[in-house]
Structures are given as structure tokens and as C-alpha cells.
N, C-alpha and C. Protein backbone atom coordinates (compact mmCIF):
# COMPACT_ATOMS: atom_id res chain seq x y z
N MET A 1 -71.75 142.56 -99.68
CA MET A 1 -72.73 143.55 -100.37
C MET A 1 -73.87 143.92 -99.45
N SER A 2 -74.52 145.04 -99.04
CA SER A 2 -75.39 145.30 -98.28
C SER A 2 -76.61 145.89 -99.16
N CYS A 3 -77.87 145.27 -98.82
CA CYS A 3 -78.93 145.61 -99.63
C CYS A 3 -79.46 146.94 -99.35
N GLU A 4 -79.56 147.79 -100.17
CA GLU A 4 -80.23 149.19 -99.92
C GLU A 4 -81.83 149.02 -99.93
N HIS A 5 -82.46 148.10 -100.25
CA HIS A 5 -84.05 148.01 -100.45
C HIS A 5 -84.70 147.57 -99.21
N VAL A 6 -83.99 147.12 -97.96
CA VAL A 6 -84.70 146.56 -97.08
C VAL A 6 -85.69 147.59 -96.25
N ASN A 7 -85.45 148.93 -96.38
CA ASN A 7 -86.51 149.78 -95.92
C ASN A 7 -87.94 149.63 -96.63
N GLN A 8 -88.02 148.85 -97.63
CA GLN A 8 -89.00 148.86 -98.64
C GLN A 8 -89.99 147.82 -97.99
N ILE A 9 -89.21 146.94 -97.28
CA ILE A 9 -90.17 145.73 -96.66
C ILE A 9 -91.12 146.30 -95.70
N ASN A 10 -92.30 145.60 -96.02
CA ASN A 10 -93.73 145.86 -95.12
C ASN A 10 -93.43 144.80 -93.93
N PRO A 11 -93.46 145.38 -92.66
CA PRO A 11 -93.36 144.55 -91.48
C PRO A 11 -94.77 143.94 -91.26
N HIS A 12 -95.74 144.37 -91.82
CA HIS A 12 -97.10 143.86 -91.42
C HIS A 12 -97.64 143.07 -92.91
N VAL A 13 -96.86 142.67 -93.88
CA VAL A 13 -97.19 141.79 -95.03
C VAL A 13 -97.87 140.37 -94.76
N THR A 14 -98.70 140.03 -95.55
CA THR A 14 -99.24 138.61 -95.10
C THR A 14 -99.28 137.96 -96.41
N PRO A 15 -99.32 136.71 -96.51
CA PRO A 15 -99.35 136.01 -97.84
C PRO A 15 -100.69 136.13 -98.55
N SER A 16 -100.58 136.47 -99.62
CA SER A 16 -101.66 136.71 -100.74
C SER A 16 -102.69 135.53 -100.94
N ALA A 17 -101.90 133.91 -100.44
CA ALA A 17 -102.58 132.81 -100.71
C ALA A 17 -101.82 131.57 -100.45
N PRO A 18 -102.72 130.69 -100.14
CA PRO A 18 -101.83 129.53 -99.53
C PRO A 18 -101.03 128.72 -100.62
N GLY A 19 -100.94 129.15 -101.83
CA GLY A 19 -99.90 128.46 -102.74
C GLY A 19 -99.52 129.60 -103.49
N CYS A 20 -98.86 129.25 -104.86
CA CYS A 20 -98.59 130.21 -105.69
C CYS A 20 -99.97 130.87 -106.19
N GLU A 21 -100.11 132.08 -106.05
CA GLU A 21 -101.19 132.90 -106.46
C GLU A 21 -101.51 132.76 -107.81
N ASP A 22 -100.57 132.68 -108.77
CA ASP A 22 -100.70 132.76 -110.11
C ASP A 22 -100.86 131.17 -110.78
N CYS A 23 -100.27 130.32 -110.36
CA CYS A 23 -100.44 129.03 -110.51
C CYS A 23 -101.85 128.38 -110.06
N LEU A 24 -102.52 128.95 -108.92
CA LEU A 24 -103.71 128.69 -108.64
C LEU A 24 -104.87 129.06 -109.59
N LYS A 25 -104.48 130.05 -110.14
CA LYS A 25 -105.34 130.64 -111.11
C LYS A 25 -105.47 129.91 -112.33
N ILE A 26 -104.32 129.42 -112.69
CA ILE A 26 -104.23 128.56 -114.10
C ILE A 26 -104.33 127.20 -113.88
N GLY A 27 -104.25 126.92 -112.54
CA GLY A 27 -104.08 125.26 -112.32
C GLY A 27 -102.50 124.73 -112.55
N GLY A 28 -101.60 125.54 -112.46
CA GLY A 28 -100.34 125.15 -112.74
C GLY A 28 -99.83 124.61 -111.52
N GLN A 29 -98.41 123.77 -111.31
CA GLN A 29 -98.04 123.49 -110.23
C GLN A 29 -96.60 124.19 -109.96
N TRP A 30 -96.02 124.03 -108.55
CA TRP A 30 -95.12 125.00 -107.98
C TRP A 30 -93.94 123.78 -107.53
N VAL A 31 -92.87 124.32 -107.37
CA VAL A 31 -91.72 123.41 -106.53
C VAL A 31 -91.61 123.96 -105.38
N HIS A 32 -91.28 125.31 -105.13
CA HIS A 32 -91.23 125.83 -103.76
C HIS A 32 -91.72 127.23 -103.86
N LEU A 33 -92.07 127.84 -102.60
CA LEU A 33 -92.86 129.25 -102.77
C LEU A 33 -92.12 130.09 -102.23
N ARG A 34 -92.47 131.48 -102.56
CA ARG A 34 -91.54 132.67 -102.17
C ARG A 34 -92.83 133.62 -101.94
N MET A 35 -92.55 134.65 -101.08
CA MET A 35 -93.44 135.52 -100.70
C MET A 35 -92.85 136.93 -100.83
N CYS A 36 -93.27 137.87 -101.68
CA CYS A 36 -92.97 139.26 -101.78
C CYS A 36 -93.02 140.08 -100.31
N LEU A 37 -91.95 140.45 -100.04
CA LEU A 37 -92.07 141.30 -98.86
C LEU A 37 -92.53 142.71 -98.86
N ILE A 38 -92.94 143.02 -100.05
CA ILE A 38 -93.65 144.51 -100.26
C ILE A 38 -94.91 144.26 -100.09
N CYS A 39 -95.47 143.39 -100.57
CA CYS A 39 -96.81 143.45 -101.01
C CYS A 39 -97.74 141.90 -100.32
N GLY A 40 -96.72 141.06 -100.25
CA GLY A 40 -97.34 139.43 -99.92
C GLY A 40 -97.69 138.64 -100.87
N HIS A 41 -97.46 139.19 -102.08
CA HIS A 41 -97.62 138.15 -103.46
C HIS A 41 -96.88 136.81 -103.40
N VAL A 42 -97.67 135.67 -103.36
CA VAL A 42 -97.08 134.64 -103.10
C VAL A 42 -96.88 133.62 -104.76
N GLY A 43 -95.39 133.48 -104.94
CA GLY A 43 -95.32 133.12 -106.14
C GLY A 43 -94.22 131.86 -105.97
N CYS A 44 -94.12 131.22 -107.32
CA CYS A 44 -93.23 130.07 -107.48
C CYS A 44 -91.96 130.26 -107.78
N CYS A 45 -91.27 129.57 -107.52
CA CYS A 45 -89.50 129.78 -107.59
C CYS A 45 -89.10 129.53 -108.81
N ASP A 46 -87.84 129.72 -108.92
CA ASP A 46 -87.33 129.67 -110.57
C ASP A 46 -87.02 128.30 -111.02
N SER A 47 -87.12 127.26 -109.86
CA SER A 47 -87.23 125.65 -110.37
C SER A 47 -88.56 125.18 -110.76
N SER A 48 -89.72 126.22 -110.54
CA SER A 48 -90.99 125.88 -110.96
C SER A 48 -91.18 126.24 -112.54
N PRO A 49 -92.08 125.44 -113.19
CA PRO A 49 -92.32 125.83 -114.69
C PRO A 49 -92.67 127.16 -114.87
N ASN A 50 -93.37 127.96 -114.10
CA ASN A 50 -93.76 129.18 -114.51
C ASN A 50 -93.01 130.24 -113.73
N LYS A 51 -92.19 130.11 -112.77
CA LYS A 51 -91.55 131.13 -112.32
C LYS A 51 -92.06 132.15 -112.15
N HIS A 52 -93.21 132.12 -111.21
CA HIS A 52 -94.20 133.35 -110.96
C HIS A 52 -93.45 134.31 -109.80
N ALA A 53 -92.75 133.90 -108.79
CA ALA A 53 -92.08 135.04 -108.15
C ALA A 53 -91.35 135.90 -109.06
N THR A 54 -90.34 135.54 -109.77
CA THR A 54 -89.34 136.34 -110.32
C THR A 54 -90.26 137.22 -111.60
N GLN A 55 -91.31 136.75 -112.22
CA GLN A 55 -92.40 137.36 -112.93
C GLN A 55 -92.79 138.57 -112.15
N HIS A 56 -93.31 138.30 -110.91
CA HIS A 56 -93.88 139.26 -110.12
C HIS A 56 -92.65 140.47 -110.07
N PHE A 57 -91.49 140.15 -109.77
CA PHE A 57 -90.39 141.25 -109.54
C PHE A 57 -90.36 141.81 -110.83
N HIS A 58 -90.42 141.35 -112.02
CA HIS A 58 -90.52 142.24 -113.28
C HIS A 58 -91.57 142.74 -113.53
N ASP A 59 -92.67 142.38 -112.97
CA ASP A 59 -93.69 143.14 -113.45
C ASP A 59 -94.07 144.40 -112.35
N THR A 60 -93.63 144.25 -110.95
CA THR A 60 -93.96 145.38 -110.17
C THR A 60 -92.62 146.06 -109.56
N ALA A 61 -91.42 145.31 -109.75
CA ALA A 61 -90.06 146.01 -109.29
C ALA A 61 -90.18 145.93 -107.70
N HIS A 62 -90.89 145.01 -106.97
CA HIS A 62 -90.80 144.73 -105.75
C HIS A 62 -89.58 143.86 -105.45
N PRO A 63 -88.47 144.49 -104.73
CA PRO A 63 -87.17 144.02 -104.86
C PRO A 63 -86.98 142.50 -103.79
N ILE A 64 -87.70 142.64 -102.70
CA ILE A 64 -87.28 141.39 -101.74
C ILE A 64 -88.39 140.33 -101.52
N ILE A 65 -87.80 139.12 -101.62
CA ILE A 65 -88.69 138.02 -101.55
C ILE A 65 -88.36 137.10 -100.26
N GLN A 66 -89.03 136.43 -99.67
CA GLN A 66 -88.73 135.60 -98.55
C GLN A 66 -89.16 134.10 -99.04
N SER A 67 -88.39 133.04 -98.48
CA SER A 67 -88.82 131.73 -98.97
C SER A 67 -90.27 131.74 -97.96
N ALA A 68 -91.25 130.97 -98.56
CA ALA A 68 -92.40 130.47 -97.85
C ALA A 68 -92.53 129.26 -97.69
N GLU A 69 -91.31 128.42 -97.63
CA GLU A 69 -91.32 126.99 -97.31
C GLU A 69 -91.02 126.92 -95.88
N PRO A 70 -92.04 126.02 -95.11
CA PRO A 70 -91.59 125.61 -93.81
C PRO A 70 -90.37 125.42 -93.55
N GLY A 71 -89.78 125.77 -92.51
CA GLY A 71 -88.35 125.52 -91.70
C GLY A 71 -87.21 126.55 -92.66
N GLU A 72 -87.78 127.22 -93.57
CA GLU A 72 -86.47 128.19 -94.31
C GLU A 72 -86.94 129.55 -93.79
N ASN A 73 -85.67 130.24 -93.83
CA ASN A 73 -85.87 131.56 -92.90
C ASN A 73 -84.71 132.72 -93.60
N TRP A 74 -84.90 132.66 -95.08
CA TRP A 74 -84.11 133.38 -95.87
C TRP A 74 -84.69 134.46 -96.71
N GLN A 75 -84.04 135.63 -97.07
CA GLN A 75 -84.40 136.78 -97.86
C GLN A 75 -83.67 136.82 -98.93
N TRP A 76 -84.27 137.38 -100.04
CA TRP A 76 -83.52 137.42 -101.52
C TRP A 76 -83.72 138.72 -101.91
N CYS A 77 -83.02 139.71 -102.31
CA CYS A 77 -82.98 140.71 -103.05
C CYS A 77 -82.78 140.68 -104.71
N TYR A 78 -83.96 140.60 -105.52
CA TYR A 78 -83.42 140.61 -106.97
C TYR A 78 -82.54 141.76 -107.39
N VAL A 79 -82.84 142.95 -106.86
CA VAL A 79 -81.97 144.12 -107.52
C VAL A 79 -80.47 144.02 -107.33
N ASP A 80 -79.98 143.56 -105.96
CA ASP A 80 -78.70 143.15 -105.65
C ASP A 80 -78.21 141.98 -105.73
N GLN A 81 -79.09 140.94 -106.35
CA GLN A 81 -78.81 139.54 -106.28
C GLN A 81 -78.07 138.90 -105.20
N ALA A 82 -78.63 139.39 -103.89
CA ALA A 82 -77.83 138.87 -102.69
C ALA A 82 -79.01 138.61 -101.46
N LEU A 83 -78.54 137.59 -100.68
CA LEU A 83 -79.20 137.30 -99.46
C LEU A 83 -79.44 138.60 -98.67
N VAL A 84 -80.45 138.77 -98.04
CA VAL A 84 -80.60 140.05 -97.16
C VAL A 84 -80.62 139.62 -95.83
């Protein structure tokens, strides 16, 4: 399956925060970080208590995230439920 949303990726996107933006605001903790490739929002993964990366997708419909973990270089499309 190919992802039809890659044309939405912002090549100049930068991380919104040094950790999960939303957890930092509420004093929460995260397991792994994901960055939205449309706007740069940094959120926590679905293994984290608050699942802010997925919540960001539901709030904005921004479809593609990238791992923000050192040494990881993968991207995921929420709409297509597939690696990009």
C-alpha cells in the first residue's frame, strides 16, 4: 500500500518542544516521542499514558508522524495505517 499523504509533509518542519509538548504542559511522562511531519508537534506514543501523538492526529487530521527517538528513522501514516 502506498501513502497518498506524503505530499502534505513539510520539508522545513521543526520540533515544537524538546519532549512531548502536551506532557510538558501537564507534568506528564512519556515512553517514546513522535513528531508530526505537517506542523512539528511533538507528542508521546501510544505506549505512553496520554497518547498525545495520536490525539494530535484526531484533533488536527495531520496524517504523518515520524519517530523522534535517537537512531530511529521511520514514518507512519495514521490514515493509511502504514509505514511511509
